[in-house]
N, C-alpha and C. Protein backbone atom coordinates (compact mmCIF):
# COMPACT_ATOMS: atom_id res chain seq x y z
N UNK A 1 -107.01 82.30 153.46
CA UNK A 1 -108.26 81.61 153.14
C UNK A 1 -108.25 80.24 153.81
N UNK A 2 -109.35 79.92 154.46
CA UNK A 2 -109.40 78.62 155.14
C UNK A 2 -109.66 77.52 154.12
N UNK A 3 -109.46 76.25 154.50
CA UNK A 3 -109.62 75.17 153.54
C UNK A 3 -111.06 74.85 153.20
N UNK A 4 -112.03 75.66 153.71
CA UNK A 4 -113.42 75.42 153.37
C UNK A 4 -113.65 75.73 151.90
N UNK A 5 -114.49 74.95 151.26
CA UNK A 5 -114.89 75.23 149.89
C UNK A 5 -116.15 76.09 149.94
N UNK A 6 -116.11 77.23 149.28
CA UNK A 6 -117.27 78.10 149.21
C UNK A 6 -117.81 78.03 147.79
N UNK A 7 -119.06 77.64 147.64
CA UNK A 7 -119.63 77.50 146.30
C UNK A 7 -121.11 77.81 146.34
N UNK A 8 -121.65 78.10 145.20
CA UNK A 8 -123.08 78.33 145.09
C UNK A 8 -123.73 77.04 144.61
N UNK A 9 -124.50 76.40 145.49
CA UNK A 9 -125.12 75.13 145.15
C UNK A 9 -126.58 75.19 145.60
N UNK A 10 -127.50 74.89 144.68
CA UNK A 10 -128.93 74.89 144.99
C UNK A 10 -129.37 76.17 145.66
N UNK A 11 -128.83 77.29 145.20
CA UNK A 11 -129.23 78.62 145.65
C UNK A 11 -128.86 78.91 147.09
N UNK A 12 -127.90 78.23 147.62
CA UNK A 12 -127.38 78.62 148.93
C UNK A 12 -125.89 78.35 148.98
N UNK A 13 -125.23 78.99 149.95
CA UNK A 13 -123.80 78.81 150.11
C UNK A 13 -123.55 77.45 150.72
N UNK A 14 -122.66 76.68 150.13
CA UNK A 14 -122.31 75.38 150.67
C UNK A 14 -120.91 75.45 151.24
N UNK A 15 -120.76 75.06 152.50
CA UNK A 15 -119.46 75.02 153.14
C UNK A 15 -119.08 73.56 153.35
N UNK A 16 -118.05 73.09 152.66
CA UNK A 16 -117.59 71.74 152.93
C UNK A 16 -116.83 71.77 154.25
N UNK A 17 -117.05 70.80 155.09
CA UNK A 17 -116.52 70.83 156.44
C UNK A 17 -115.19 70.08 156.51
N UNK A 18 -114.09 70.79 156.72
CA UNK A 18 -112.80 70.13 156.82
C UNK A 18 -112.65 69.47 158.19
N UNK A 19 -111.73 68.52 158.34
CA UNK A 19 -111.56 67.87 159.63
C UNK A 19 -111.06 68.80 160.71
N UNK A 20 -110.26 69.80 160.35
CA UNK A 20 -109.67 70.69 161.35
C UNK A 20 -109.56 72.10 160.80
N UNK A 21 -109.85 73.09 161.66
CA UNK A 21 -109.60 74.48 161.31
C UNK A 21 -108.69 75.07 162.37
N UNK A 22 -107.57 75.65 161.97
CA UNK A 22 -106.66 76.27 162.92
C UNK A 22 -107.23 77.60 163.39
N UNK A 23 -106.83 78.04 164.56
CA UNK A 23 -107.41 79.25 165.14
C UNK A 23 -107.10 80.49 164.33
N UNK A 24 -106.08 80.45 163.47
CA UNK A 24 -105.74 81.62 162.66
C UNK A 24 -106.51 81.66 161.36
N UNK A 25 -107.34 80.64 161.09
CA UNK A 25 -108.02 80.53 159.81
C UNK A 25 -109.14 81.54 159.67
N UNK A 26 -109.36 81.99 158.45
CA UNK A 26 -110.42 82.93 158.11
C UNK A 26 -111.17 82.42 156.90
N UNK A 27 -112.42 82.78 156.82
CA UNK A 27 -113.27 82.45 155.68
C UNK A 27 -113.64 83.76 155.00
N UNK A 28 -112.99 84.03 153.87
CA UNK A 28 -113.12 85.32 153.20
C UNK A 28 -113.64 85.13 151.78
N UNK A 29 -114.81 85.71 151.49
CA UNK A 29 -115.30 85.68 150.11
C UNK A 29 -116.00 86.99 149.77
N UNK A 30 -115.42 88.08 150.25
CA UNK A 30 -115.99 89.39 150.01
C UNK A 30 -115.79 89.83 148.56
N UNK A 31 -116.66 90.78 148.12
CA UNK A 31 -116.61 91.38 146.79
C UNK A 31 -116.67 90.33 145.68
N UNK A 32 -117.72 89.51 145.76
CA UNK A 32 -118.03 88.56 144.71
C UNK A 32 -119.49 88.74 144.31
N UNK A 33 -120.06 87.73 143.69
CA UNK A 33 -121.47 87.74 143.34
C UNK A 33 -122.15 86.49 143.89
N UNK A 34 -121.70 86.10 145.07
CA UNK A 34 -122.26 84.92 145.72
C UNK A 34 -123.65 85.25 146.24
N UNK A 35 -124.61 84.40 145.93
CA UNK A 35 -126.00 84.63 146.28
C UNK A 35 -126.52 83.52 147.19
N UNK A 36 -127.80 83.59 147.50
CA UNK A 36 -128.42 82.56 148.32
C UNK A 36 -128.36 82.87 149.80
N UNK A 37 -128.54 81.87 150.61
CA UNK A 37 -128.65 82.02 152.06
C UNK A 37 -127.43 81.44 152.77
N UNK A 38 -127.28 81.81 154.03
CA UNK A 38 -126.22 81.26 154.87
C UNK A 38 -126.74 79.96 155.47
N UNK A 39 -126.10 78.82 155.23
CA UNK A 39 -126.61 77.55 155.72
C UNK A 39 -126.36 77.38 157.22
N UNK A 40 -127.20 76.62 157.91
CA UNK A 40 -126.98 76.35 159.33
C UNK A 40 -125.64 75.67 159.62
N UNK A 41 -125.09 74.95 158.62
CA UNK A 41 -123.82 74.25 158.79
C UNK A 41 -122.68 75.19 159.18
N UNK A 42 -122.86 76.47 158.96
CA UNK A 42 -121.80 77.41 159.28
C UNK A 42 -121.49 77.40 160.77
N UNK A 43 -122.41 76.91 161.56
CA UNK A 43 -122.18 76.81 162.99
C UNK A 43 -121.19 75.73 163.38
N UNK A 44 -120.74 74.92 162.42
CA UNK A 44 -119.79 73.85 162.71
C UNK A 44 -118.33 74.30 162.66
N UNK A 45 -118.09 75.55 162.28
CA UNK A 45 -116.71 76.04 162.12
C UNK A 45 -116.23 76.65 163.44
N UNK A 46 -116.10 75.80 164.45
CA UNK A 46 -115.92 76.30 165.81
C UNK A 46 -114.51 76.83 166.09
N UNK A 47 -113.61 76.75 165.13
CA UNK A 47 -112.28 77.34 165.30
C UNK A 47 -112.11 78.62 164.47
N UNK A 48 -113.16 79.02 163.78
CA UNK A 48 -113.10 80.18 162.90
C UNK A 48 -112.97 81.46 163.71
N UNK A 49 -112.05 82.34 163.28
CA UNK A 49 -111.87 83.62 163.96
C UNK A 49 -112.31 84.81 163.12
N UNK A 50 -112.39 84.67 161.82
CA UNK A 50 -112.67 85.81 160.95
C UNK A 50 -113.49 85.33 159.76
N UNK A 51 -114.65 85.97 159.56
CA UNK A 51 -115.47 85.69 158.40
C UNK A 51 -115.86 87.01 157.76
N UNK A 52 -115.68 87.08 156.44
CA UNK A 52 -115.95 88.32 155.71
C UNK A 52 -116.69 87.97 154.42
N UNK A 53 -117.98 88.35 154.37
CA UNK A 53 -118.78 88.11 153.17
C UNK A 53 -119.34 89.43 152.62
N UNK A 54 -118.61 90.52 152.83
CA UNK A 54 -119.04 91.85 152.39
C UNK A 54 -119.20 91.91 150.87
N UNK A 55 -120.17 92.70 150.43
CA UNK A 55 -120.39 92.97 149.00
C UNK A 55 -120.67 91.70 148.21
N UNK A 56 -121.75 91.03 148.60
CA UNK A 56 -122.25 89.90 147.82
C UNK A 56 -123.75 90.08 147.64
N UNK A 57 -124.44 88.99 147.39
CA UNK A 57 -125.90 89.04 147.16
C UNK A 57 -126.60 88.03 148.06
N UNK A 58 -126.14 87.95 149.28
CA UNK A 58 -126.64 86.97 150.23
C UNK A 58 -127.95 87.46 150.84
N UNK A 59 -128.92 86.57 150.92
CA UNK A 59 -130.25 86.91 151.42
C UNK A 59 -130.59 86.02 152.62
N UNK A 60 -131.79 86.20 153.14
CA UNK A 60 -132.23 85.38 154.26
C UNK A 60 -131.71 85.90 155.59
N UNK A 61 -131.84 85.09 156.60
CA UNK A 61 -131.48 85.48 157.96
C UNK A 61 -130.09 84.96 158.34
N UNK A 62 -129.58 85.50 159.43
CA UNK A 62 -128.34 84.97 160.03
C UNK A 62 -128.75 83.78 160.89
N UNK A 63 -128.32 82.57 160.57
CA UNK A 63 -128.77 81.40 161.33
C UNK A 63 -128.34 81.47 162.80
N UNK A 64 -129.20 80.98 163.67
CA UNK A 64 -128.85 80.91 165.10
C UNK A 64 -127.56 80.12 165.31
N UNK A 65 -127.34 79.12 164.46
CA UNK A 65 -126.16 78.28 164.60
C UNK A 65 -124.87 79.07 164.42
N UNK A 66 -124.94 80.16 163.69
CA UNK A 66 -123.75 80.96 163.44
C UNK A 66 -123.10 81.41 164.74
N UNK A 67 -123.90 81.71 165.73
CA UNK A 67 -123.40 82.25 166.99
C UNK A 67 -122.76 81.17 167.88
N UNK A 68 -122.67 79.95 167.36
CA UNK A 68 -121.97 78.88 168.08
C UNK A 68 -120.46 78.93 167.87
N UNK A 69 -120.02 79.76 166.93
CA UNK A 69 -118.59 79.88 166.61
C UNK A 69 -117.94 80.85 167.60
N UNK A 70 -117.66 80.38 168.78
CA UNK A 70 -117.27 81.24 169.90
C UNK A 70 -115.87 81.82 169.79
N UNK A 71 -115.08 81.37 168.81
CA UNK A 71 -113.73 81.93 168.62
C UNK A 71 -113.72 83.15 167.71
N UNK A 72 -114.87 83.51 167.18
CA UNK A 72 -114.93 84.61 166.22
C UNK A 72 -114.44 85.92 166.84
N UNK A 73 -113.61 86.61 166.05
CA UNK A 73 -113.12 87.94 166.43
C UNK A 73 -113.58 89.01 165.46
N UNK A 74 -113.74 88.66 164.19
CA UNK A 74 -114.19 89.62 163.19
C UNK A 74 -115.31 89.00 162.36
N UNK A 75 -116.44 89.72 162.30
CA UNK A 75 -117.60 89.28 161.53
C UNK A 75 -118.03 90.42 160.63
N UNK A 76 -118.05 90.17 159.32
CA UNK A 76 -118.40 91.21 158.36
C UNK A 76 -119.48 90.67 157.41
N UNK A 77 -120.72 91.16 157.60
CA UNK A 77 -121.86 90.84 156.75
C UNK A 77 -122.23 92.00 155.84
N UNK A 78 -121.44 93.04 155.83
CA UNK A 78 -121.79 94.33 155.23
C UNK A 78 -122.18 94.23 153.76
N UNK A 79 -123.20 95.01 153.39
CA UNK A 79 -123.61 95.19 152.00
C UNK A 79 -124.06 93.89 151.33
N UNK A 80 -125.08 93.29 151.94
CA UNK A 80 -125.79 92.18 151.33
C UNK A 80 -127.28 92.50 151.40
N UNK A 81 -128.11 91.47 151.45
CA UNK A 81 -129.56 91.69 151.59
C UNK A 81 -130.10 90.82 152.71
N UNK A 82 -129.35 90.73 153.80
CA UNK A 82 -129.77 89.93 154.94
C UNK A 82 -130.97 90.57 155.63
N UNK A 83 -131.88 89.74 156.09
CA UNK A 83 -133.10 90.21 156.74
C UNK A 83 -133.25 89.53 158.10
N UNK A 84 -134.37 89.81 158.77
CA UNK A 84 -134.57 89.24 160.08
C UNK A 84 -133.80 90.00 161.15
N UNK A 85 -133.65 89.40 162.30
CA UNK A 85 -133.05 90.07 163.45
C UNK A 85 -131.64 89.55 163.74
N UNK A 86 -130.92 90.33 164.53
CA UNK A 86 -129.65 89.89 165.10
C UNK A 86 -129.98 89.18 166.40
N UNK A 87 -129.56 87.97 166.55
CA UNK A 87 -129.92 87.17 167.72
C UNK A 87 -129.28 87.71 169.00
N UNK A 88 -129.98 87.52 170.12
CA UNK A 88 -129.40 87.83 171.42
C UNK A 88 -128.12 87.04 171.67
N UNK A 89 -127.96 85.94 170.94
CA UNK A 89 -126.77 85.11 171.12
C UNK A 89 -125.49 85.80 170.67
N UNK A 90 -125.62 86.95 169.99
CA UNK A 90 -124.41 87.68 169.61
C UNK A 90 -123.59 88.02 170.84
N UNK A 91 -124.24 88.14 171.98
CA UNK A 91 -123.54 88.44 173.22
C UNK A 91 -122.68 87.31 173.73
N UNK A 92 -122.80 86.12 173.12
CA UNK A 92 -121.96 84.98 173.50
C UNK A 92 -120.59 85.03 172.84
N UNK A 93 -120.44 85.89 171.82
CA UNK A 93 -119.18 85.96 171.07
C UNK A 93 -118.21 86.89 171.80
N UNK A 94 -117.70 86.42 172.92
CA UNK A 94 -116.96 87.26 173.85
C UNK A 94 -115.62 87.76 173.30
N UNK A 95 -115.11 87.13 172.24
CA UNK A 95 -113.83 87.55 171.67
C UNK A 95 -114.00 88.54 170.52
N UNK A 96 -115.23 88.88 170.21
CA UNK A 96 -115.52 89.71 169.04
C UNK A 96 -114.93 91.11 169.19
N UNK A 97 -114.19 91.54 168.15
CA UNK A 97 -113.66 92.90 168.12
C UNK A 97 -114.30 93.74 167.02
N UNK A 98 -114.81 93.08 165.98
CA UNK A 98 -115.43 93.78 164.85
C UNK A 98 -116.71 93.08 164.45
N UNK A 99 -117.81 93.85 164.34
CA UNK A 99 -119.08 93.31 163.85
C UNK A 99 -119.68 94.34 162.91
N UNK A 100 -119.63 94.06 161.61
CA UNK A 100 -120.18 94.93 160.58
C UNK A 100 -121.37 94.23 159.94
N UNK A 101 -122.55 94.79 160.15
CA UNK A 101 -123.76 94.25 159.52
C UNK A 101 -124.53 95.35 158.82
N UNK A 102 -123.84 96.39 158.41
CA UNK A 102 -124.47 97.55 157.79
C UNK A 102 -124.88 97.26 156.35
N UNK A 103 -125.78 98.12 155.84
CA UNK A 103 -126.26 98.03 154.46
C UNK A 103 -126.86 96.67 154.16
N UNK A 104 -127.81 96.29 155.02
CA UNK A 104 -128.62 95.09 154.81
C UNK A 104 -130.08 95.47 155.00
N UNK A 105 -130.91 94.50 155.33
CA UNK A 105 -132.34 94.75 155.56
C UNK A 105 -132.75 94.18 156.91
N UNK A 106 -131.86 94.28 157.88
CA UNK A 106 -132.12 93.72 159.20
C UNK A 106 -133.19 94.52 159.93
N UNK A 107 -134.02 93.80 160.69
CA UNK A 107 -135.14 94.42 161.38
C UNK A 107 -135.07 94.08 162.88
N UNK A 108 -136.13 94.43 163.58
CA UNK A 108 -136.26 94.21 165.02
C UNK A 108 -135.34 95.16 165.78
N UNK A 109 -135.12 94.88 167.05
CA UNK A 109 -134.35 95.80 167.89
C UNK A 109 -132.89 95.38 167.97
N UNK A 110 -132.07 96.29 168.46
CA UNK A 110 -130.65 96.00 168.68
C UNK A 110 -130.53 95.19 169.97
N UNK A 111 -129.92 94.02 169.93
CA UNK A 111 -129.84 93.20 171.14
C UNK A 111 -129.09 93.90 172.28
N UNK A 112 -129.67 93.86 173.47
CA UNK A 112 -129.00 94.41 174.64
C UNK A 112 -127.74 93.64 174.97
N UNK A 113 -127.64 92.41 174.46
CA UNK A 113 -126.48 91.57 174.76
C UNK A 113 -125.20 92.06 174.10
N UNK A 114 -125.29 93.05 173.20
CA UNK A 114 -124.06 93.68 172.72
C UNK A 114 -123.25 94.23 173.89
N UNK A 115 -123.94 94.56 174.97
CA UNK A 115 -123.27 95.06 176.16
C UNK A 115 -122.34 94.07 176.81
N UNK A 116 -122.47 92.78 176.45
CA UNK A 116 -121.57 91.75 176.99
C UNK A 116 -120.20 91.76 176.33
N UNK A 117 -120.09 92.45 175.19
CA UNK A 117 -118.90 92.34 174.35
C UNK A 117 -117.88 93.41 174.73
N UNK A 118 -117.13 93.12 175.74
CA UNK A 118 -116.18 94.11 176.27
C UNK A 118 -114.94 94.25 175.40
N UNK A 119 -114.76 93.37 174.42
CA UNK A 119 -113.62 93.47 173.49
C UNK A 119 -114.02 94.10 172.16
N UNK A 120 -115.28 94.45 172.00
CA UNK A 120 -115.77 94.97 170.72
C UNK A 120 -115.25 96.39 170.49
N UNK A 121 -114.59 96.59 169.35
CA UNK A 121 -114.02 97.89 169.00
C UNK A 121 -114.81 98.60 167.91
N UNK A 122 -115.39 97.85 166.98
CA UNK A 122 -116.12 98.46 165.87
C UNK A 122 -117.46 97.75 165.70
N UNK A 123 -118.53 98.56 165.74
CA UNK A 123 -119.89 98.04 165.53
C UNK A 123 -120.58 98.89 164.49
N UNK A 124 -120.85 98.29 163.34
CA UNK A 124 -121.55 98.95 162.23
C UNK A 124 -122.92 98.32 162.05
N UNK A 125 -123.97 99.10 162.28
CA UNK A 125 -125.34 98.63 162.09
C UNK A 125 -126.13 99.57 161.19
N UNK A 126 -125.46 100.53 160.56
CA UNK A 126 -126.16 101.55 159.81
C UNK A 126 -126.83 101.01 158.55
N UNK A 127 -127.82 101.79 158.06
CA UNK A 127 -128.52 101.47 156.82
C UNK A 127 -129.18 100.11 156.87
N UNK A 128 -129.98 99.92 157.91
CA UNK A 128 -130.84 98.75 158.02
C UNK A 128 -132.25 99.25 158.32
N UNK A 129 -133.07 98.38 158.91
CA UNK A 129 -134.43 98.74 159.31
C UNK A 129 -134.62 98.43 160.79
N UNK A 130 -133.57 98.65 161.57
CA UNK A 130 -133.62 98.36 163.00
C UNK A 130 -134.50 99.38 163.71
N UNK A 131 -135.22 98.92 164.72
CA UNK A 131 -136.16 99.78 165.43
C UNK A 131 -135.99 99.62 166.94
N UNK A 132 -136.78 100.38 167.67
CA UNK A 132 -136.70 100.31 169.12
C UNK A 132 -135.61 101.21 169.67
N UNK A 133 -135.39 101.14 170.98
CA UNK A 133 -134.42 102.05 171.62
C UNK A 133 -132.98 101.57 171.48
N UNK A 134 -132.06 102.48 171.72
CA UNK A 134 -130.64 102.13 171.84
C UNK A 134 -130.45 101.50 173.22
N UNK A 135 -129.97 100.27 173.30
CA UNK A 135 -129.88 99.60 174.61
C UNK A 135 -128.94 100.33 175.57
N UNK A 136 -129.40 100.52 176.81
CA UNK A 136 -128.54 101.12 177.83
C UNK A 136 -127.30 100.28 178.08
N UNK A 137 -127.42 98.98 177.84
CA UNK A 137 -126.30 98.06 178.10
C UNK A 137 -125.09 98.35 177.24
N UNK A 138 -125.26 99.12 176.18
CA UNK A 138 -124.12 99.45 175.33
C UNK A 138 -123.05 100.23 176.07
N UNK A 139 -123.40 100.81 177.19
CA UNK A 139 -122.40 101.54 177.98
C UNK A 139 -121.34 100.61 178.56
N UNK A 140 -121.58 99.30 178.46
CA UNK A 140 -120.61 98.32 178.97
C UNK A 140 -119.59 97.89 177.93
N UNK A 141 -119.72 98.37 176.70
CA UNK A 141 -118.78 97.98 175.63
C UNK A 141 -117.50 98.81 175.78
N UNK A 142 -116.72 98.49 176.74
CA UNK A 142 -115.62 99.35 177.19
C UNK A 142 -114.50 99.53 176.18
N UNK A 143 -114.44 98.68 175.15
CA UNK A 143 -113.38 98.81 174.14
C UNK A 143 -113.85 99.51 172.88
N UNK A 144 -115.13 99.91 172.81
CA UNK A 144 -115.68 100.42 171.56
C UNK A 144 -115.00 101.73 171.15
N UNK A 145 -114.67 101.82 169.86
CA UNK A 145 -114.08 103.02 169.28
C UNK A 145 -114.96 103.60 168.17
N UNK A 146 -115.63 102.74 167.43
CA UNK A 146 -116.44 103.15 166.28
C UNK A 146 -117.83 102.55 166.44
N UNK A 147 -118.84 103.42 166.57
CA UNK A 147 -120.22 102.96 166.79
C UNK A 147 -121.14 103.68 165.82
N UNK A 148 -121.68 102.93 164.88
CA UNK A 148 -122.46 103.51 163.79
C UNK A 148 -123.84 102.85 163.74
N UNK A 149 -124.88 103.66 163.99
CA UNK A 149 -126.25 103.14 163.99
C UNK A 149 -127.17 104.04 163.16
N UNK A 150 -126.61 104.86 162.29
CA UNK A 150 -127.42 105.81 161.55
C UNK A 150 -128.28 105.14 160.48
N UNK A 151 -129.29 105.88 160.04
CA UNK A 151 -130.20 105.45 158.97
C UNK A 151 -130.88 104.13 159.30
N UNK A 152 -131.53 104.15 160.46
CA UNK A 152 -132.42 103.07 160.86
C UNK A 152 -133.74 103.71 161.30
N UNK A 153 -134.50 103.01 162.14
CA UNK A 153 -135.75 103.53 162.68
C UNK A 153 -135.71 103.51 164.21
N UNK A 154 -134.56 103.84 164.77
CA UNK A 154 -134.39 103.79 166.22
C UNK A 154 -135.20 104.90 166.89
N UNK A 155 -135.77 104.59 168.04
CA UNK A 155 -136.61 105.53 168.76
C UNK A 155 -136.11 105.68 170.19
N UNK A 156 -136.78 106.54 170.94
CA UNK A 156 -136.40 106.76 172.32
C UNK A 156 -135.29 107.79 172.44
N UNK A 157 -134.73 107.89 173.62
CA UNK A 157 -133.70 108.89 173.91
C UNK A 157 -132.30 108.31 173.72
N UNK A 158 -131.33 109.20 173.67
CA UNK A 158 -129.93 108.79 173.57
C UNK A 158 -129.42 108.49 174.97
N UNK A 159 -128.96 107.27 175.23
CA UNK A 159 -128.51 106.91 176.59
C UNK A 159 -127.31 107.74 177.03
N UNK A 160 -127.37 108.23 178.25
CA UNK A 160 -126.25 109.01 178.79
C UNK A 160 -124.99 108.17 178.92
N UNK A 161 -125.16 106.85 179.06
CA UNK A 161 -124.01 105.97 179.24
C UNK A 161 -123.07 105.93 178.06
N UNK A 162 -123.54 106.37 176.89
CA UNK A 162 -122.67 106.40 175.72
C UNK A 162 -121.56 107.43 175.84
N UNK A 163 -121.71 108.37 176.77
CA UNK A 163 -120.76 109.47 176.89
C UNK A 163 -119.95 109.40 178.19
N UNK A 164 -120.11 108.31 178.93
CA UNK A 164 -119.39 108.18 180.19
C UNK A 164 -117.96 107.73 179.98
N UNK A 165 -117.21 107.76 181.06
CA UNK A 165 -115.81 107.36 180.98
C UNK A 165 -115.65 105.86 180.81
N UNK A 166 -116.74 105.12 180.95
CA UNK A 166 -116.69 103.70 180.66
C UNK A 166 -116.42 103.41 179.21
N UNK A 167 -116.78 104.37 178.33
CA UNK A 167 -116.52 104.26 176.89
C UNK A 167 -115.46 105.29 176.50
N UNK A 168 -114.39 105.31 177.23
CA UNK A 168 -113.38 106.36 177.08
C UNK A 168 -112.66 106.32 175.74
N UNK A 169 -112.74 105.20 175.01
CA UNK A 169 -112.06 105.10 173.72
C UNK A 169 -112.94 105.45 172.54
N UNK A 170 -114.22 105.79 172.79
CA UNK A 170 -115.14 106.06 171.69
C UNK A 170 -114.72 107.30 170.90
N UNK A 171 -114.48 107.13 169.60
CA UNK A 171 -114.05 108.23 168.74
C UNK A 171 -115.10 108.64 167.73
N UNK A 172 -115.89 107.67 167.25
CA UNK A 172 -116.88 107.93 166.21
C UNK A 172 -118.24 107.45 166.71
N UNK A 173 -119.25 108.34 166.68
CA UNK A 173 -120.61 107.98 167.08
C UNK A 173 -121.58 108.59 166.07
N UNK A 174 -122.22 107.71 165.28
CA UNK A 174 -123.17 108.15 164.26
C UNK A 174 -124.57 107.65 164.65
N UNK A 175 -125.46 108.61 164.94
CA UNK A 175 -126.84 108.29 165.31
C UNK A 175 -127.84 109.01 164.40
N UNK A 176 -127.36 109.64 163.36
CA UNK A 176 -128.20 110.45 162.50
C UNK A 176 -129.22 109.62 161.72
N UNK A 177 -130.26 110.30 161.24
CA UNK A 177 -131.29 109.68 160.39
C UNK A 177 -131.99 108.52 161.08
N UNK A 178 -132.47 108.80 162.28
CA UNK A 178 -133.33 107.87 163.00
C UNK A 178 -134.57 108.63 163.46
N UNK A 179 -135.24 108.12 164.49
CA UNK A 179 -136.43 108.77 165.06
C UNK A 179 -136.21 109.04 166.54
N UNK A 180 -134.98 109.37 166.91
CA UNK A 180 -134.64 109.60 168.31
C UNK A 180 -135.30 110.88 168.83
N UNK A 181 -135.71 110.85 170.08
CA UNK A 181 -136.42 111.97 170.68
C UNK A 181 -135.76 112.37 171.99
N UNK A 182 -136.32 113.43 172.60
CA UNK A 182 -135.81 113.89 173.88
C UNK A 182 -134.61 114.81 173.73
N UNK A 183 -134.05 115.16 174.86
CA UNK A 183 -132.90 116.07 174.89
C UNK A 183 -131.59 115.31 174.86
N UNK A 184 -130.55 115.99 174.46
CA UNK A 184 -129.21 115.41 174.56
C UNK A 184 -128.86 115.22 176.03
N UNK A 185 -128.17 114.13 176.36
CA UNK A 185 -127.75 113.93 177.75
C UNK A 185 -126.86 115.08 178.23
N UNK A 186 -126.99 115.43 179.51
CA UNK A 186 -126.21 116.53 180.07
C UNK A 186 -124.71 116.25 180.03
N UNK A 187 -124.35 114.96 180.01
CA UNK A 187 -122.92 114.61 180.05
C UNK A 187 -122.35 114.40 178.65
N UNK A 188 -123.00 114.93 177.63
CA UNK A 188 -122.59 114.67 176.25
C UNK A 188 -121.15 115.11 175.99
N UNK A 189 -120.65 116.07 176.72
CA UNK A 189 -119.27 116.53 176.52
C UNK A 189 -118.24 115.74 177.29
N UNK A 190 -118.68 114.72 178.03
CA UNK A 190 -117.76 113.98 178.89
C UNK A 190 -116.99 112.87 178.18
N UNK A 191 -117.39 112.58 176.95
CA UNK A 191 -116.70 111.54 176.19
C UNK A 191 -115.32 112.06 175.80
N UNK A 192 -114.25 111.52 176.38
CA UNK A 192 -112.94 112.18 176.30
C UNK A 192 -112.29 112.19 174.93
N UNK A 193 -112.61 111.23 174.05
CA UNK A 193 -111.91 111.15 172.77
C UNK A 193 -112.83 111.27 171.57
N UNK A 194 -114.08 111.65 171.80
CA UNK A 194 -115.04 111.71 170.70
C UNK A 194 -114.60 112.71 169.64
N UNK A 195 -114.50 112.22 168.41
CA UNK A 195 -114.02 113.03 167.29
C UNK A 195 -115.15 113.41 166.33
N UNK A 196 -115.97 112.43 165.96
CA UNK A 196 -117.11 112.66 165.06
C UNK A 196 -118.39 112.28 165.79
N UNK A 197 -119.37 113.20 165.83
CA UNK A 197 -120.63 112.97 166.51
C UNK A 197 -121.75 113.51 165.63
N UNK A 198 -122.54 112.58 165.04
CA UNK A 198 -123.59 112.96 164.09
C UNK A 198 -124.95 112.58 164.67
N UNK A 199 -125.83 113.57 164.85
CA UNK A 199 -127.17 113.32 165.38
C UNK A 199 -128.23 114.04 164.55
N UNK A 200 -127.87 114.49 163.37
CA UNK A 200 -128.82 115.21 162.52
C UNK A 200 -129.95 114.29 162.05
N UNK A 201 -131.05 114.92 161.63
CA UNK A 201 -132.21 114.21 161.09
C UNK A 201 -132.81 113.21 162.07
N UNK A 202 -133.07 113.70 163.29
CA UNK A 202 -133.83 112.99 164.29
C UNK A 202 -134.98 113.88 164.74
N UNK A 203 -135.55 113.63 165.92
CA UNK A 203 -136.62 114.45 166.47
C UNK A 203 -136.24 114.91 167.88
N UNK A 204 -134.98 115.28 168.04
CA UNK A 204 -134.47 115.70 169.34
C UNK A 204 -135.04 117.06 169.72
N UNK A 205 -135.20 117.27 171.03
CA UNK A 205 -135.74 118.51 171.54
C UNK A 205 -134.86 119.02 172.68
N UNK A 206 -135.33 120.04 173.37
CA UNK A 206 -134.59 120.56 174.51
C UNK A 206 -133.56 121.60 174.10
N UNK A 207 -132.63 121.84 174.98
CA UNK A 207 -131.58 122.84 174.74
C UNK A 207 -130.22 122.16 174.68
N UNK A 208 -129.26 122.88 174.16
CA UNK A 208 -127.90 122.35 174.10
C UNK A 208 -127.31 122.29 175.50
N UNK A 209 -126.72 121.17 175.88
CA UNK A 209 -126.06 121.09 177.19
C UNK A 209 -124.88 122.06 177.27
N UNK A 210 -124.58 122.49 178.47
CA UNK A 210 -123.42 123.35 178.68
C UNK A 210 -122.15 122.52 178.50
N UNK A 211 -121.25 122.99 177.67
CA UNK A 211 -119.98 122.31 177.45
C UNK A 211 -118.92 123.01 178.31
N UNK A 212 -118.39 122.29 179.24
CA UNK A 212 -117.41 122.86 180.16
C UNK A 212 -116.03 122.90 179.52
N UNK A 213 -115.17 123.72 180.07
CA UNK A 213 -113.79 123.79 179.60
C UNK A 213 -113.13 122.43 179.74
N UNK A 214 -112.44 122.02 178.71
CA UNK A 214 -111.76 120.72 178.74
C UNK A 214 -112.56 119.60 178.12
N UNK A 215 -113.85 119.87 177.75
CA UNK A 215 -114.66 118.84 177.11
C UNK A 215 -114.60 118.98 175.59
N UNK A 216 -114.88 117.86 174.90
CA UNK A 216 -114.87 117.83 173.43
C UNK A 216 -113.53 118.29 172.86
N UNK A 217 -112.43 117.92 173.49
CA UNK A 217 -111.12 118.39 173.06
C UNK A 217 -110.75 117.89 171.67
N UNK A 218 -111.28 116.71 171.28
CA UNK A 218 -110.88 116.11 169.99
C UNK A 218 -111.98 116.24 168.95
N UNK A 219 -113.11 116.86 169.30
CA UNK A 219 -114.24 116.89 168.38
C UNK A 219 -113.90 117.65 167.11
N UNK A 220 -114.06 116.96 165.97
CA UNK A 220 -113.77 117.57 164.68
C UNK A 220 -115.02 117.80 163.85
N UNK A 221 -116.05 116.91 164.02
CA UNK A 221 -117.27 117.03 163.23
C UNK A 221 -118.47 116.81 164.15
N UNK A 222 -119.34 117.81 164.22
CA UNK A 222 -120.58 117.73 164.98
C UNK A 222 -121.72 118.11 164.06
N UNK A 223 -122.53 117.13 163.67
CA UNK A 223 -123.67 117.39 162.79
C UNK A 223 -124.94 117.25 163.62
N UNK A 224 -125.69 118.36 163.72
CA UNK A 224 -126.91 118.39 164.51
C UNK A 224 -128.09 118.84 163.65
């Protein structure tokens, strides 16, 4: 736990600003009943590497100032009542390995700047109100292993780049319960380590792509 004081004051989270934060410091207050909004002051914690506020009652938007914390490696907003959009500035967090913002009320589209995050291993965006297409730029997230975008309002087709060798470490891909259309990409079997692939409850059309010998070697769960 970092030396920041976390308290509920005037219906928002108050972070007292210490003189120094070491690079190993984390701000953890998950599984509490902390309510209110995230203050803009959170952008002053420029040495912070890990923040976890999962399972609270936090409302409002993610402040633009938050994305000024460029040392962040793990960000967990999961299971609150956050609204508004994820800023394009998320792409500035070049050290990010984990970003969990699932089970909130986030809206707007998924930022294409997630494609800048070549160190990102886990991205959870499920159970929000996100809309628009899946960004083609996500094919640049070369370290991604777990990608969950189910139960939103995503539209358009599934990008073929999600199954290329550029995402050779991808093991889990959840796209179910959206409004996705079109056919499955022809290269859907090219993802070398894909284990779980869920695309049920969409509006997909077309025919099943031909799966060649040697493809889907690790596939354990396919929900269509």
